């Protein structure tokens, strides 16, 4: 369970970092890098949702 907690924190940090990078490159008008940061952010959101569903299901079984 501690591993999942650490993974959740890392996903959150990654999401904030992707948002910051996307904003900075949007202001610099470097749209391909911004699009890549948004794509990576969407993958992180998907992984975070899967992790949260897994944690919720494991708590229901107990």
C-alpha atoms as a PDB file:
ATOM      1  CA  UNK A   1       0.000   0.000   0.000  1.00  0.00           C
ATOM      2  CA  UNK A   2       2.927   2.339   0.675  1.00  0.00           C
ATOM      3  CA  UNK A   3       4.101   1.784  -2.901  1.00  0.00           C
ATOM      4  CA  UNK A   4       0.744   2.930  -4.237  1.00  0.00           C
ATOM      5  CA  UNK A   5       0.841   6.014  -2.032  1.00  0.00           C
ATOM      6  CA  UNK A   6       4.296   6.948  -3.310  1.00  0.00           C
ATOM      7  CA  UNK A   7       3.182   6.266  -6.877  1.00  0.00           C
ATOM      8  CA  UNK A   8       0.168   8.538  -6.407  1.00  0.00           C
ATOM      9  CA  UNK A   9       2.429  11.335  -5.155  1.00  0.00           C
ATOM     10  CA  UNK A  10       4.754  10.877  -8.124  1.00  0.00           C
ATOM     11  CA  UNK A  11       1.809  10.988 -10.540  1.00  0.00           C
ATOM     12  CA  UNK A  12       0.626  14.220  -8.942  1.00  0.00           C
ATOM     13  CA  UNK A  13       4.074  15.785  -9.201  1.00  0.00           C
ATOM     14  CA  UNK A  14       4.304  14.656 -12.833  1.00  0.00           C
ATOM     15  CA  UNK A  15       0.929  16.169 -13.605  1.00  0.00           C
ATOM     16  CA  UNK A  16       1.885  19.526 -12.079  1.00  0.00           C
ATOM     17  CA  UNK A  17       5.192  19.443 -13.927  1.00  0.00           C
ATOM     18  CA  UNK A  18       3.480  18.708 -17.254  1.00  0.00           C
ATOM     19  CA  UNK A  19       1.047  21.570 -16.707  1.00  0.00           C
ATOM     20  CA  UNK A  20       3.919  23.942 -15.887  1.00  0.00           C
ATOM     21  CA  UNK A  21       5.918  22.889 -18.955  1.00  0.00           C
ATOM     22  CA  UNK A  22       2.860  23.211 -21.203  1.00  0.00           C
ATOM     23  CA  UNK A  23       2.176  26.717 -19.876  1.00  0.00           C
ATOM     24  CA  UNK A  24       5.784  27.847 -20.278  1.00  0.00           C
ATOM     25  CA  UNK A  25       6.025  26.591 -23.845  1.00  0.00           C
ATOM     26  CA  UNK A  26       2.628  28.075 -24.683  1.00  0.00           C
ATOM     27  CA  UNK A  27       3.926  31.459 -23.581  1.00  0.00           C
ATOM     28  CA  UNK A  28       7.099  30.888 -25.642  1.00  0.00           C
ATOM     29  CA  UNK A  29       4.938  29.890 -28.648  1.00  0.00           C
ATOM     30  CA  UNK A  30       6.593  26.498 -28.996  1.00  0.00           C
ATOM     31  CA  UNK A  31       3.477  24.512 -29.722  1.00  0.00           C
ATOM     32  CA  UNK A  32       4.938  21.049 -30.541  1.00  0.00           C
ATOM     33  CA  UNK A  33       6.622  20.847 -27.130  1.00  0.00           C
ATOM     34  CA  UNK A  34       3.441  22.131 -25.483  1.00  0.00           C
ATOM     35  CA  UNK A  35       1.409  19.436 -27.251  1.00  0.00           C
ATOM     36  CA  UNK A  36       3.862  16.763 -26.092  1.00  0.00           C
ATOM     37  CA  UNK A  37       3.594  17.981 -22.491  1.00  0.00           C
ATOM     38  CA  UNK A  38      -0.198  17.859 -22.710  1.00  0.00           C
ATOM     39  CA  UNK A  39      -0.077  14.340 -24.170  1.00  0.00           C
ATOM     40  CA  UNK A  40       2.199  13.131 -21.374  1.00  0.00           C
ATOM     41  CA  UNK A  41      -0.094  14.838 -18.859  1.00  0.00           C
ATOM     42  CA  UNK A  42      -3.089  12.962 -20.250  1.00  0.00           C
ATOM     43  CA  UNK A  43      -1.227   9.665 -19.905  1.00  0.00           C
ATOM     44  CA  UNK A  44      -0.387  10.531 -16.293  1.00  0.00           C
ATOM     45  CA  UNK A  45      -4.057  11.348 -15.607  1.00  0.00           C
ATOM     46  CA  UNK A  46      -5.078   7.998 -17.111  1.00  0.00           C
ATOM     47  CA  UNK A  47      -2.547   6.118 -14.976  1.00  0.00           C
ATOM     48  CA  UNK A  48      -3.592   8.028 -11.850  1.00  0.00           C
ATOM     49  CA  UNK A  49      -7.272   7.184 -12.409  1.00  0.00           C
ATOM     50  CA  UNK A  50      -6.380   3.498 -12.855  1.00  0.00           C
ATOM     51  CA  UNK A  51      -4.358   3.573  -9.633  1.00  0.00           C
ATOM     52  CA  UNK A  52      -7.183   5.206  -7.688  1.00  0.00           C
ATOM     53  CA  UNK A  53      -9.698   2.657  -9.002  1.00  0.00           C
ATOM     54  CA  UNK A  54      -7.346  -0.159  -8.010  1.00  0.00           C
ATOM     55  CA  UNK A  55      -6.972   1.240  -4.490  1.00  0.00           C
ATOM     56  CA  UNK A  56     -10.734   1.697  -4.162  1.00  0.00           C
ATOM     57  CA  UNK A  57     -11.388  -1.895  -5.303  1.00  0.00           C
ATOM     58  CA  UNK A  58      -8.788  -3.315  -2.935  1.00  0.00           C
ATOM     59  CA  UNK A  59     -10.384  -1.470  -0.015  1.00  0.00           C
ATOM     60  CA  UNK A  60     -13.868  -2.780  -0.878  1.00  0.00           C
ATOM     61  CA  UNK A  61     -12.663  -6.385  -0.739  1.00  0.00           C
ATOM     62  CA  UNK A  62     -11.417  -6.049   2.855  1.00  0.00           C
END
